[in-house]
């Protein structure tokens, strides 16, 4: 798909290595070449029963003609030190796929955009119960009392959003259903303006008096 449309593609995947599953993001260039991956370093809640734990060997930021590209998955975005490591790598196009369609997510993404002085693209899944297999193959809840398997009941409400380095919402949030939207990202123009005001790993870091030690 990346090669067909001549785009950099960032997509989620459940990755298996040996007998371990990882929640991952895969990166492809416009020629369709696989660039690498990011494995979620901290599975959330019961995800820990299913997914393995990634490490910092898969927290890449890739240079592209459009800006430095990377990804942080779901509630990893609440981890200040992981965010800081991405900022330190110079991330400019910050992709944050998630299943969190709650009321606070857009606020979280707005904070990340302002804090990191970067564009944030957060695709959020939208699913109805009928998108999943029917019982007995799959039970969304132990009793299925909340929804009927063939219904249009919304399981994941979406809310995908694109936010500028100044915290301006450029597209979304979309809670209406599956969709596609775009925005022009002025990386060379707007990110320097944001960094001039606030650079969390630069002039605003005060590394001379603030640091972490083991």
N, C-alpha and C. Protein backbone atom coordinates (compact mmCIF):
# COMPACT_ATOMS: atom_id res chain seq x y z
N UNK A 1 0.82 -1.20 0.00
CA UNK A 1 0.00 0.00 0.00
C UNK A 1 0.86 1.26 0.00
N UNK A 2 1.96 1.25 0.77
CA UNK A 2 2.84 2.41 0.79
C UNK A 2 3.40 2.67 -0.60
N UNK A 3 3.81 1.61 -1.29
CA UNK A 3 4.36 1.77 -2.64
C UNK A 3 3.28 2.19 -3.62
N UNK A 4 2.08 1.66 -3.48
CA UNK A 4 0.99 1.98 -4.40
C UNK A 4 0.66 3.46 -4.37
N UNK A 5 0.61 4.02 -3.16
CA UNK A 5 0.20 5.42 -3.01
C UNK A 5 1.39 6.36 -2.81
N UNK A 6 2.61 5.82 -2.81
CA UNK A 6 3.82 6.64 -2.68
C UNK A 6 3.81 7.48 -1.42
N UNK A 7 3.57 6.82 -0.30
CA UNK A 7 3.49 7.52 0.99
C UNK A 7 4.33 6.80 2.03
N UNK A 8 4.70 7.53 3.07
CA UNK A 8 5.22 6.89 4.27
C UNK A 8 4.02 6.34 5.03
N UNK A 9 4.09 5.07 5.38
CA UNK A 9 2.96 4.40 6.02
C UNK A 9 3.34 3.98 7.42
N UNK A 10 2.51 4.36 8.37
CA UNK A 10 2.67 3.96 9.76
C UNK A 10 1.41 3.19 10.14
N UNK A 11 1.55 1.94 10.49
CA UNK A 11 0.37 1.10 10.72
C UNK A 11 0.57 0.18 11.90
N UNK A 12 -0.52 -0.07 12.61
CA UNK A 12 -0.48 -0.97 13.74
C UNK A 12 -0.50 -2.43 13.30
N UNK A 13 0.06 -3.30 14.14
CA UNK A 13 0.07 -4.74 13.85
C UNK A 13 0.29 -5.50 15.16
N UNK A 14 -0.25 -6.70 15.21
CA UNK A 14 0.10 -7.61 16.29
C UNK A 14 1.20 -8.51 15.74
N UNK A 15 2.36 -8.39 16.32
CA UNK A 15 3.57 -9.03 15.81
C UNK A 15 3.90 -10.26 16.67
N UNK A 16 4.31 -11.33 16.02
CA UNK A 16 4.73 -12.52 16.76
C UNK A 16 6.21 -12.79 16.53
N UNK A 17 6.92 -12.96 17.61
CA UNK A 17 8.31 -13.42 17.53
C UNK A 17 8.43 -14.63 18.44
N UNK A 18 8.74 -15.78 17.86
CA UNK A 18 8.72 -17.00 18.64
C UNK A 18 7.32 -17.27 19.13
N UNK A 19 7.16 -17.35 20.44
CA UNK A 19 5.84 -17.59 21.03
C UNK A 19 5.33 -16.37 21.79
N UNK A 20 5.89 -15.21 21.47
CA UNK A 20 5.48 -13.97 22.14
C UNK A 20 4.83 -13.03 21.14
N UNK A 21 3.71 -12.43 21.57
CA UNK A 21 3.01 -11.42 20.77
C UNK A 21 3.36 -10.04 21.28
N UNK A 22 3.50 -9.10 20.34
CA UNK A 22 3.76 -7.71 20.69
C UNK A 22 2.74 -6.82 19.99
N UNK A 23 2.30 -5.79 20.69
CA UNK A 23 1.52 -4.72 20.07
C UNK A 23 2.53 -3.76 19.44
N UNK A 24 2.50 -3.65 18.12
CA UNK A 24 3.57 -2.95 17.42
C UNK A 24 3.04 -1.95 16.40
N UNK A 25 3.90 -1.04 16.02
CA UNK A 25 3.69 -0.15 14.89
C UNK A 25 4.79 -0.43 13.88
N UNK A 26 4.41 -0.56 12.60
CA UNK A 26 5.36 -0.81 11.53
C UNK A 26 5.48 0.42 10.65
N UNK A 27 6.69 0.67 10.13
CA UNK A 27 6.97 1.83 9.30
C UNK A 27 7.42 1.36 7.91
N UNK A 28 6.86 2.01 6.86
CA UNK A 28 7.24 1.70 5.49
C UNK A 28 7.48 3.01 4.74
N UNK A 29 8.43 2.99 3.79
CA UNK A 29 8.71 4.19 3.00
C UNK A 29 7.89 4.17 1.70
N UNK A 30 7.95 5.24 0.90
CA UNK A 30 7.10 5.32 -0.31
C UNK A 30 7.42 4.29 -1.38
N UNK A 31 8.54 3.60 -1.25
CA UNK A 31 8.86 2.52 -2.19
C UNK A 31 8.35 1.17 -1.68
N UNK A 32 7.74 1.20 -0.50
CA UNK A 32 7.23 -0.03 0.08
C UNK A 32 8.24 -0.77 0.92
N UNK A 33 9.39 -0.16 1.16
CA UNK A 33 10.42 -0.81 1.97
C UNK A 33 10.06 -0.71 3.45
N UNK A 34 10.26 -1.82 4.14
CA UNK A 34 10.05 -1.85 5.58
C UNK A 34 11.20 -1.13 6.27
N UNK A 35 10.87 -0.12 7.08
CA UNK A 35 11.89 0.67 7.77
C UNK A 35 12.21 0.11 9.16
N UNK A 36 11.19 -0.35 9.85
CA UNK A 36 11.39 -0.83 11.20
C UNK A 36 10.08 -0.82 11.96
N UNK A 37 10.19 -0.92 13.28
CA UNK A 37 8.99 -1.07 14.11
C UNK A 37 9.20 -0.43 15.48
N UNK A 38 8.08 -0.19 16.12
CA UNK A 38 8.07 0.16 17.54
C UNK A 38 7.18 -0.84 18.26
N UNK A 39 7.72 -1.49 19.28
CA UNK A 39 6.93 -2.39 20.11
C UNK A 39 6.49 -1.65 21.37
N UNK A 40 5.22 -1.76 21.69
CA UNK A 40 4.70 -1.12 22.89
C UNK A 40 5.47 -1.62 24.11
N UNK A 41 6.02 -0.68 24.86
CA UNK A 41 6.88 -1.08 25.97
C UNK A 41 6.10 -1.39 27.25
N UNK A 42 4.83 -0.92 27.31
CA UNK A 42 4.06 -1.14 28.53
C UNK A 42 2.62 -1.50 28.19
N UNK A 43 2.31 -2.79 28.04
CA UNK A 43 0.91 -3.18 27.81
C UNK A 43 0.03 -2.73 28.98
N UNK A 44 -1.21 -2.42 28.67
CA UNK A 44 -2.13 -1.83 29.64
C UNK A 44 -3.08 -2.87 30.19
N UNK A 45 -3.28 -2.84 31.51
CA UNK A 45 -4.24 -3.72 32.17
C UNK A 45 -4.06 -5.17 31.73
N UNK A 46 -5.16 -5.79 31.28
CA UNK A 46 -5.14 -7.22 30.92
C UNK A 46 -4.35 -7.50 29.65
N UNK A 47 -3.92 -6.45 28.93
CA UNK A 47 -3.03 -6.67 27.79
C UNK A 47 -1.77 -7.41 28.22
N UNK A 48 -1.40 -7.26 29.49
CA UNK A 48 -0.18 -7.88 29.99
C UNK A 48 -0.28 -9.40 30.03
N UNK A 49 -1.51 -9.92 29.95
CA UNK A 49 -1.71 -11.36 29.91
C UNK A 49 -1.47 -11.91 28.50
N UNK A 50 -1.42 -11.00 27.51
CA UNK A 50 -1.37 -11.43 26.11
C UNK A 50 -0.08 -10.97 25.43
N UNK A 51 0.30 -9.71 25.63
CA UNK A 51 1.40 -9.11 24.88
C UNK A 51 2.69 -9.08 25.69
N UNK A 52 3.79 -9.21 24.98
CA UNK A 52 5.10 -9.04 25.59
C UNK A 52 5.42 -7.56 25.78
N UNK A 53 6.54 -7.30 26.44
CA UNK A 53 6.98 -5.95 26.73
C UNK A 53 8.10 -5.57 25.76
N UNK A 54 7.92 -4.47 25.05
CA UNK A 54 8.99 -3.97 24.20
C UNK A 54 10.08 -3.31 25.03
N UNK A 55 11.11 -2.84 24.35
CA UNK A 55 12.18 -2.12 25.04
C UNK A 55 12.66 -0.97 24.15
N UNK A 56 13.67 -0.27 24.61
CA UNK A 56 14.08 0.94 23.90
C UNK A 56 14.85 0.66 22.61
N UNK A 57 15.05 -0.62 22.28
CA UNK A 57 15.67 -0.94 20.99
C UNK A 57 14.70 -0.73 19.85
N UNK A 58 13.42 -0.56 20.18
CA UNK A 58 12.42 -0.32 19.12
C UNK A 58 11.63 0.96 19.43
N UNK A 59 12.34 2.06 19.61
CA UNK A 59 11.69 3.37 19.75
C UNK A 59 12.31 4.32 18.73
N UNK A 60 12.15 4.01 17.44
CA UNK A 60 12.87 4.76 16.41
C UNK A 60 12.19 6.09 16.06
N UNK A 61 12.99 6.99 15.55
CA UNK A 61 12.51 8.20 14.87
C UNK A 61 13.23 8.25 13.53
N UNK A 62 12.47 8.30 12.45
CA UNK A 62 13.04 8.21 11.11
C UNK A 62 13.05 9.57 10.43
N UNK A 63 14.16 9.91 9.83
CA UNK A 63 14.22 11.12 9.03
C UNK A 63 13.54 10.91 7.69
N UNK A 64 12.65 11.82 7.33
CA UNK A 64 11.98 11.79 6.04
C UNK A 64 12.04 13.19 5.44
N UNK A 65 11.75 13.33 4.14
CA UNK A 65 11.73 14.67 3.55
C UNK A 65 10.66 15.57 4.15
N UNK A 66 9.73 14.99 4.88
CA UNK A 66 8.60 15.76 5.42
C UNK A 66 8.76 16.07 6.90
N UNK A 67 9.75 15.47 7.53
CA UNK A 67 9.94 15.66 8.95
C UNK A 67 10.33 14.35 9.62
N UNK A 68 10.77 14.44 10.85
CA UNK A 68 11.20 13.25 11.59
C UNK A 68 9.97 12.54 12.15
N UNK A 69 9.87 11.25 11.83
CA UNK A 69 8.65 10.48 12.02
C UNK A 69 8.85 9.39 13.07
N UNK A 70 7.91 9.29 14.00
CA UNK A 70 7.97 8.23 15.00
C UNK A 70 6.59 7.95 15.57
N UNK A 71 6.52 7.01 16.49
CA UNK A 71 5.22 6.61 17.03
C UNK A 71 5.34 6.17 18.48
N UNK A 72 4.31 6.50 19.24
CA UNK A 72 4.13 6.04 20.61
C UNK A 72 2.71 5.50 20.71
N UNK A 73 2.52 4.34 21.31
CA UNK A 73 1.25 3.62 21.24
C UNK A 73 0.40 3.83 22.49
N UNK A 74 -0.82 4.26 22.29
CA UNK A 74 -1.88 4.27 23.30
C UNK A 74 -1.39 4.92 24.61
N UNK A 75 -1.54 4.21 25.74
CA UNK A 75 -1.23 4.84 27.03
C UNK A 75 0.26 4.99 27.29
N UNK A 76 1.11 4.51 26.40
CA UNK A 76 2.53 4.91 26.48
C UNK A 76 2.64 6.42 26.44
N UNK A 77 1.68 7.07 25.80
CA UNK A 77 1.71 8.52 25.69
C UNK A 77 1.56 9.22 27.03
N UNK A 78 1.18 8.47 28.06
CA UNK A 78 1.09 9.03 29.41
C UNK A 78 2.41 8.88 30.17
N UNK A 79 3.42 8.30 29.55
CA UNK A 79 4.70 8.05 30.22
C UNK A 79 5.66 9.19 29.91
N UNK A 80 5.88 10.10 30.86
CA UNK A 80 6.68 11.31 30.57
C UNK A 80 8.09 11.01 30.06
N UNK A 81 8.74 9.98 30.60
CA UNK A 81 10.12 9.73 30.19
C UNK A 81 10.19 9.16 28.79
N UNK A 82 9.21 8.36 28.39
CA UNK A 82 9.19 7.88 27.01
C UNK A 82 8.95 9.03 26.05
N UNK A 83 8.00 9.90 26.38
CA UNK A 83 7.77 11.08 25.53
C UNK A 83 9.04 11.90 25.42
N UNK A 84 9.72 12.10 26.54
CA UNK A 84 10.93 12.92 26.53
C UNK A 84 12.00 12.31 25.64
N UNK A 85 12.11 10.98 25.66
CA UNK A 85 13.11 10.33 24.81
C UNK A 85 12.79 10.55 23.34
N UNK A 86 11.51 10.58 23.00
CA UNK A 86 11.13 10.83 21.61
C UNK A 86 11.42 12.28 21.23
N UNK A 87 11.14 13.20 22.14
CA UNK A 87 11.46 14.61 21.88
C UNK A 87 12.96 14.78 21.67
N UNK A 88 13.75 14.09 22.49
CA UNK A 88 15.20 14.21 22.40
C UNK A 88 15.73 13.69 21.07
N UNK A 89 14.99 12.76 20.45
CA UNK A 89 15.37 12.25 19.13
C UNK A 89 14.91 13.16 18.00
N UNK A 90 14.23 14.24 18.37
CA UNK A 90 13.85 15.24 17.38
C UNK A 90 12.56 14.96 16.64
N UNK A 91 11.68 14.16 17.22
CA UNK A 91 10.44 13.81 16.53
C UNK A 91 9.65 15.07 16.15
N UNK A 92 9.14 15.08 14.92
CA UNK A 92 8.36 16.22 14.41
C UNK A 92 6.96 15.79 14.00
N UNK A 93 6.82 14.56 13.53
CA UNK A 93 5.51 14.00 13.19
C UNK A 93 5.29 12.82 14.12
N UNK A 94 4.50 13.04 15.13
CA UNK A 94 4.34 12.14 16.27
C UNK A 94 3.03 11.38 16.09
N UNK A 95 3.14 10.08 15.77
CA UNK A 95 1.95 9.26 15.52
C UNK A 95 1.57 8.53 16.80
N UNK A 96 0.30 8.64 17.19
CA UNK A 96 -0.14 8.08 18.47
C UNK A 96 -1.41 7.26 18.28
N UNK A 97 -1.30 6.07 17.69
CA UNK A 97 -2.48 5.22 17.54
C UNK A 97 -2.97 4.73 18.89
N UNK A 98 -4.28 4.59 19.05
CA UNK A 98 -4.82 4.20 20.34
C UNK A 98 -6.22 3.60 20.18
N UNK A 99 -6.66 2.95 21.24
CA UNK A 99 -8.05 2.52 21.33
C UNK A 99 -8.81 3.37 22.33
N UNK A 100 -8.19 4.41 22.86
CA UNK A 100 -8.80 5.27 23.87
C UNK A 100 -9.64 6.35 23.20
N UNK A 101 -10.94 6.19 23.27
CA UNK A 101 -11.84 7.21 22.71
C UNK A 101 -12.50 8.01 23.83
N UNK A 102 -11.88 8.02 24.99
CA UNK A 102 -12.44 8.73 26.14
C UNK A 102 -12.35 10.24 26.01
N UNK A 103 -13.02 10.90 26.94
CA UNK A 103 -13.13 12.36 26.89
C UNK A 103 -11.79 13.06 27.07
N UNK A 104 -10.82 12.42 27.71
CA UNK A 104 -9.56 13.10 28.01
C UNK A 104 -8.50 12.91 26.94
N UNK A 105 -8.75 12.05 25.94
CA UNK A 105 -7.66 11.73 25.01
C UNK A 105 -7.23 12.92 24.17
N UNK A 106 -8.18 13.68 23.67
CA UNK A 106 -7.80 14.83 22.84
C UNK A 106 -6.99 15.83 23.67
N UNK A 107 -7.34 15.98 24.94
CA UNK A 107 -6.55 16.86 25.82
C UNK A 107 -5.14 16.33 25.99
N UNK A 108 -4.99 15.01 26.13
CA UNK A 108 -3.67 14.41 26.24
C UNK A 108 -2.85 14.68 24.98
N UNK A 109 -3.46 14.50 23.82
CA UNK A 109 -2.75 14.72 22.56
C UNK A 109 -2.40 16.19 22.37
N UNK A 110 -3.27 17.07 22.81
CA UNK A 110 -2.99 18.50 22.72
C UNK A 110 -1.78 18.85 23.58
N UNK A 111 -1.74 18.27 24.77
CA UNK A 111 -0.59 18.50 25.65
C UNK A 111 0.70 17.99 25.00
N UNK A 112 0.66 16.79 24.41
CA UNK A 112 1.85 16.23 23.77
C UNK A 112 2.34 17.15 22.65
N UNK A 113 1.41 17.64 21.84
CA UNK A 113 1.78 18.51 20.73
C UNK A 113 2.47 19.77 21.22
N UNK A 114 1.92 20.37 22.27
CA UNK A 114 2.52 21.60 22.81
C UNK A 114 3.83 21.29 23.52
N UNK A 115 3.83 20.25 24.33
CA UNK A 115 5.03 19.89 25.09
C UNK A 115 6.19 19.54 24.16
N UNK A 116 5.90 18.74 23.11
CA UNK A 116 6.96 18.30 22.22
C UNK A 116 7.24 19.24 21.07
N UNK A 117 6.39 20.26 20.88
CA UNK A 117 6.56 21.15 19.74
C UNK A 117 6.53 20.39 18.43
N UNK A 118 5.54 19.48 18.31
CA UNK A 118 5.47 18.60 17.15
C UNK A 118 4.02 18.47 16.68
N UNK A 119 3.87 17.98 15.47
CA UNK A 119 2.54 17.63 14.97
C UNK A 119 2.17 16.27 15.53
N UNK A 120 0.96 16.14 16.03
CA UNK A 120 0.47 14.87 16.57
C UNK A 120 -0.66 14.35 15.69
N UNK A 121 -0.50 13.12 15.23
CA UNK A 121 -1.52 12.44 14.45
C UNK A 121 -1.97 11.23 15.26
N UNK A 122 -3.22 11.25 15.72
CA UNK A 122 -3.70 10.17 16.58
C UNK A 122 -4.89 9.47 15.94
N UNK A 123 -4.66 8.35 15.24
CA UNK A 123 -5.77 7.57 14.70
C UNK A 123 -6.36 6.67 15.79
N UNK A 124 -7.67 6.69 15.91
CA UNK A 124 -8.35 5.93 16.96
C UNK A 124 -9.38 5.01 16.31
N UNK A 125 -9.37 3.76 16.71
CA UNK A 125 -10.24 2.79 16.05
C UNK A 125 -11.71 3.05 16.32
N UNK A 126 -12.51 2.81 15.28
CA UNK A 126 -13.96 2.87 15.39
C UNK A 126 -14.50 1.48 15.01
N UNK A 127 -15.20 0.85 15.93
CA UNK A 127 -15.71 -0.50 15.68
C UNK A 127 -17.12 -0.65 16.23
N UNK A 128 -17.91 -1.44 15.52
CA UNK A 128 -19.22 -1.86 16.00
C UNK A 128 -19.17 -3.33 16.38
N UNK A 129 -20.13 -3.77 17.18
CA UNK A 129 -20.12 -5.17 17.62
C UNK A 129 -20.15 -6.13 16.44
N UNK A 130 -20.83 -5.77 15.39
CA UNK A 130 -20.93 -6.67 14.24
C UNK A 130 -19.61 -6.81 13.48
N UNK A 131 -18.63 -5.96 13.80
CA UNK A 131 -17.32 -6.08 13.16
C UNK A 131 -16.50 -7.23 13.74
N UNK A 132 -16.94 -7.78 14.87
CA UNK A 132 -16.24 -8.88 15.51
C UNK A 132 -16.94 -10.21 15.18
N UNK A 133 -16.24 -11.33 15.31
CA UNK A 133 -16.90 -12.63 15.09
C UNK A 133 -18.06 -12.85 16.04
N UNK A 134 -19.03 -13.62 15.60
CA UNK A 134 -20.20 -13.91 16.42
C UNK A 134 -19.87 -15.02 17.43
N UNK A 135 -20.62 -15.06 18.54
CA UNK A 135 -20.49 -16.21 19.44
C UNK A 135 -20.88 -17.49 18.68
N UNK A 136 -20.31 -18.66 19.02
CA UNK A 136 -19.43 -18.88 20.18
C UNK A 136 -17.96 -18.60 19.88
N UNK A 137 -17.62 -18.21 18.62
CA UNK A 137 -16.22 -17.96 18.30
C UNK A 137 -15.62 -16.84 19.14
N UNK A 138 -16.45 -15.84 19.46
CA UNK A 138 -15.92 -14.68 20.16
C UNK A 138 -17.02 -14.06 21.00
N UNK A 139 -16.71 -13.83 22.27
CA UNK A 139 -17.61 -13.12 23.16
C UNK A 139 -16.95 -11.81 23.54
N UNK A 140 -17.62 -10.71 23.21
CA UNK A 140 -17.01 -9.42 23.57
C UNK A 140 -17.06 -9.22 25.08
N UNK A 141 -18.12 -9.67 25.70
CA UNK A 141 -18.21 -9.65 27.16
C UNK A 141 -18.65 -11.04 27.60
N UNK A 142 -18.43 -11.43 28.85
CA UNK A 142 -18.72 -12.81 29.27
C UNK A 142 -20.14 -13.26 28.98
N UNK A 143 -21.09 -12.34 29.06
CA UNK A 143 -22.49 -12.73 28.86
C UNK A 143 -23.11 -12.14 27.60
N UNK A 144 -22.41 -11.23 26.96
CA UNK A 144 -22.95 -10.52 25.80
C UNK A 144 -24.25 -9.81 26.14
N UNK A 145 -24.41 -9.39 27.37
CA UNK A 145 -25.65 -8.73 27.76
C UNK A 145 -25.65 -7.26 27.34
N UNK A 146 -24.47 -6.71 27.06
CA UNK A 146 -24.40 -5.29 26.73
C UNK A 146 -24.85 -5.01 25.31
N UNK A 147 -24.55 -5.92 24.39
CA UNK A 147 -24.89 -5.73 22.99
C UNK A 147 -25.26 -7.05 22.37
N UNK A 148 -26.03 -7.02 21.32
CA UNK A 148 -26.30 -8.23 20.55
C UNK A 148 -25.24 -8.34 19.47
N UNK A 149 -24.81 -9.57 19.15
CA UNK A 149 -23.65 -9.73 18.26
C UNK A 149 -23.80 -9.11 16.89
N UNK A 150 -25.03 -9.05 16.35
CA UNK A 150 -25.20 -8.53 15.00
C UNK A 150 -25.64 -7.08 14.99
N UNK A 151 -25.44 -6.38 16.09
CA UNK A 151 -25.97 -5.02 16.21
C UNK A 151 -24.99 -3.98 15.69
N UNK A 152 -25.50 -2.76 15.57
CA UNK A 152 -24.67 -1.61 15.22
C UNK A 152 -24.13 -0.92 16.46
N UNK A 153 -24.26 -1.56 17.61
CA UNK A 153 -23.77 -0.96 18.84
C UNK A 153 -22.28 -0.63 18.72
N UNK A 154 -21.91 0.55 19.15
CA UNK A 154 -20.53 1.01 19.03
C UNK A 154 -19.70 0.46 20.18
N UNK A 155 -18.62 -0.22 19.83
CA UNK A 155 -17.68 -0.75 20.82
C UNK A 155 -16.54 0.23 21.06
N UNK A 156 -15.96 0.76 19.97
CA UNK A 156 -14.93 1.78 20.05
C UNK A 156 -15.42 2.99 19.27
N UNK A 157 -15.42 4.15 19.92
CA UNK A 157 -16.13 5.31 19.38
C UNK A 157 -15.28 6.21 18.50
N UNK A 158 -14.02 5.86 18.27
CA UNK A 158 -13.18 6.70 17.42
C UNK A 158 -12.74 7.97 18.11
N UNK A 159 -12.58 9.02 17.32
CA UNK A 159 -12.11 10.30 17.84
C UNK A 159 -10.77 10.72 17.27
N UNK A 160 -10.41 10.16 16.10
CA UNK A 160 -9.12 10.48 15.49
C UNK A 160 -8.94 11.99 15.32
N UNK A 161 -7.69 12.44 15.48
CA UNK A 161 -7.44 13.88 15.52
C UNK A 161 -6.03 14.19 15.03
N UNK A 162 -5.86 15.37 14.44
CA UNK A 162 -4.55 15.90 14.07
C UNK A 162 -4.39 17.25 14.75
N UNK A 163 -3.25 17.47 15.41
CA UNK A 163 -3.04 18.66 16.23
C UNK A 163 -1.71 19.30 15.88
N UNK A 164 -1.67 20.61 15.85
CA UNK A 164 -0.47 21.35 15.48
C UNK A 164 0.46 21.51 16.68
N UNK A 165 1.71 21.94 16.45
CA UNK A 165 2.65 22.16 17.57
C UNK A 165 2.19 23.26 18.53
N UNK A 166 1.20 24.04 18.14
CA UNK A 166 0.68 25.10 19.00
C UNK A 166 -0.58 24.66 19.73
N UNK A 167 -0.99 23.39 19.56
CA UNK A 167 -2.18 22.89 20.22
C UNK A 167 -3.46 23.12 19.46
N UNK A 168 -3.35 23.58 18.22
CA UNK A 168 -4.54 23.82 17.40
C UNK A 168 -5.00 22.52 16.77
N UNK A 169 -6.29 22.23 16.87
CA UNK A 169 -6.85 21.03 16.25
C UNK A 169 -7.04 21.32 14.76
N UNK A 170 -6.33 20.57 13.93
CA UNK A 170 -6.35 20.78 12.49
C UNK A 170 -7.39 19.91 11.79
N UNK A 171 -7.68 18.75 12.37
CA UNK A 171 -8.69 17.85 11.80
C UNK A 171 -9.22 16.97 12.92
N UNK A 172 -10.55 16.69 12.85
CA UNK A 172 -11.17 15.88 13.88
C UNK A 172 -11.55 16.72 15.10
N UNK A 173 -11.84 16.05 16.22
CA UNK A 173 -11.94 14.60 16.36
C UNK A 173 -13.19 14.04 15.69
N UNK A 174 -13.04 12.87 15.11
CA UNK A 174 -14.12 12.25 14.36
C UNK A 174 -14.73 11.10 15.17
N UNK A 175 -15.98 11.29 15.60
CA UNK A 175 -16.72 10.25 16.32
C UNK A 175 -17.89 9.71 15.50
N UNK A 176 -17.94 10.06 14.22
CA UNK A 176 -19.10 9.74 13.40
C UNK A 176 -19.03 8.35 12.76
N UNK A 177 -17.85 7.76 12.71
CA UNK A 177 -17.70 6.47 12.05
C UNK A 177 -16.33 6.38 11.41
N UNK A 178 -16.15 5.36 10.58
CA UNK A 178 -14.89 5.24 9.85
C UNK A 178 -14.73 6.44 8.92
N UNK A 179 -13.51 6.90 8.76
CA UNK A 179 -13.31 8.07 7.91
C UNK A 179 -11.86 8.28 7.55
N UNK A 180 -11.65 9.22 6.67
CA UNK A 180 -10.31 9.59 6.23
C UNK A 180 -10.24 11.10 6.19
N UNK A 181 -9.25 11.68 6.86
CA UNK A 181 -9.06 13.11 6.74
C UNK A 181 -7.59 13.45 6.72
N UNK A 182 -7.31 14.64 6.21
CA UNK A 182 -5.93 15.06 5.99
C UNK A 182 -5.73 16.48 6.51
N UNK A 183 -4.47 16.85 6.60
CA UNK A 183 -4.13 18.22 6.97
C UNK A 183 -2.75 18.54 6.42
N UNK A 184 -2.52 19.78 6.05
CA UNK A 184 -1.19 20.23 5.64
C UNK A 184 -0.35 20.48 6.89
N UNK A 185 0.84 19.89 6.94
CA UNK A 185 1.74 20.06 8.07
C UNK A 185 2.92 20.93 7.66
N UNK A 186 2.99 22.11 8.24
CA UNK A 186 4.08 23.04 7.92
C UNK A 186 5.21 22.82 8.92
N UNK A 187 5.92 21.70 8.74
CA UNK A 187 6.97 21.31 9.68
C UNK A 187 8.08 22.35 9.75
N UNK A 188 8.52 22.83 8.58
CA UNK A 188 9.65 23.76 8.55
C UNK A 188 9.27 25.15 9.06
N UNK A 189 7.98 25.46 9.00
CA UNK A 189 7.56 26.79 9.43
C UNK A 189 7.08 26.85 10.87
N UNK A 190 6.18 25.93 11.26
CA UNK A 190 5.52 26.05 12.56
C UNK A 190 6.30 25.42 13.71
N UNK A 191 7.04 24.35 13.45
CA UNK A 191 7.78 23.73 14.55
C UNK A 191 8.87 24.66 15.09
N UNK A 192 9.66 25.34 14.24
CA UNK A 192 10.63 26.29 14.81
C UNK A 192 9.97 27.39 15.64
N UNK A 193 8.80 27.85 15.23
CA UNK A 193 8.10 28.86 16.02
C UNK A 193 7.74 28.32 17.41
N UNK A 194 7.25 27.07 17.42
CA UNK A 194 6.89 26.46 18.70
C UNK A 194 8.11 26.23 19.57
N UNK A 195 9.20 25.78 18.97
CA UNK A 195 10.42 25.50 19.73
C UNK A 195 11.07 26.79 20.25
N UNK A 196 10.91 27.87 19.51
CA UNK A 196 11.46 29.15 19.96
C UNK A 196 10.83 29.56 21.29
N UNK A 197 9.52 29.27 21.41
CA UNK A 197 8.82 29.60 22.65
C UNK A 197 9.13 28.60 23.77
N UNK A 198 9.13 27.31 23.39
CA UNK A 198 9.25 26.27 24.42
C UNK A 198 9.89 25.03 23.81
N UNK A 199 11.10 24.73 24.24
CA UNK A 199 11.80 23.53 23.76
C UNK A 199 12.11 22.67 24.98
N UNK A 200 11.31 21.62 25.16
CA UNK A 200 11.36 20.85 26.40
C UNK A 200 12.67 20.09 26.57
N UNK A 201 13.37 19.82 25.48
CA UNK A 201 14.67 19.15 25.60
C UNK A 201 15.81 20.09 25.20
N UNK A 202 15.50 21.37 25.10
CA UNK A 202 16.50 22.37 24.75
C UNK A 202 16.58 23.44 25.81
N UNK A 203 16.26 24.68 25.43
CA UNK A 203 16.45 25.80 26.34
C UNK A 203 15.53 25.76 27.55
N UNK A 204 14.47 24.94 27.50
CA UNK A 204 13.56 24.84 28.64
C UNK A 204 13.81 23.61 29.48
N UNK A 205 14.88 22.86 29.22
CA UNK A 205 15.09 21.61 29.93
C UNK A 205 15.80 21.78 31.27
N UNK A 206 16.65 22.81 31.37
CA UNK A 206 17.47 23.05 32.57
C UNK A 206 18.19 21.77 33.00
N UNK A 207 18.87 21.15 32.01
CA UNK A 207 19.62 19.93 32.30
C UNK A 207 20.75 20.16 33.29
N UNK A 208 21.11 21.42 33.52
CA UNK A 208 22.19 21.71 34.47
C UNK A 208 21.76 21.47 35.90
N UNK A 209 20.45 21.53 36.17
CA UNK A 209 19.98 21.34 37.55
C UNK A 209 18.97 20.21 37.69
N UNK A 210 18.40 19.73 36.56
CA UNK A 210 17.41 18.66 36.59
C UNK A 210 17.92 17.47 35.80
N UNK A 211 18.03 16.31 36.46
CA UNK A 211 18.44 15.11 35.76
C UNK A 211 17.96 13.90 36.52
N UNK A 212 17.96 12.75 35.84
CA UNK A 212 17.58 11.49 36.45
C UNK A 212 18.81 10.61 36.60
N UNK A 213 18.92 9.95 37.74
CA UNK A 213 20.03 9.03 37.96
C UNK A 213 19.48 7.69 38.39
N UNK A 214 20.23 6.65 38.12
CA UNK A 214 19.80 5.30 38.53
C UNK A 214 20.02 5.10 40.03
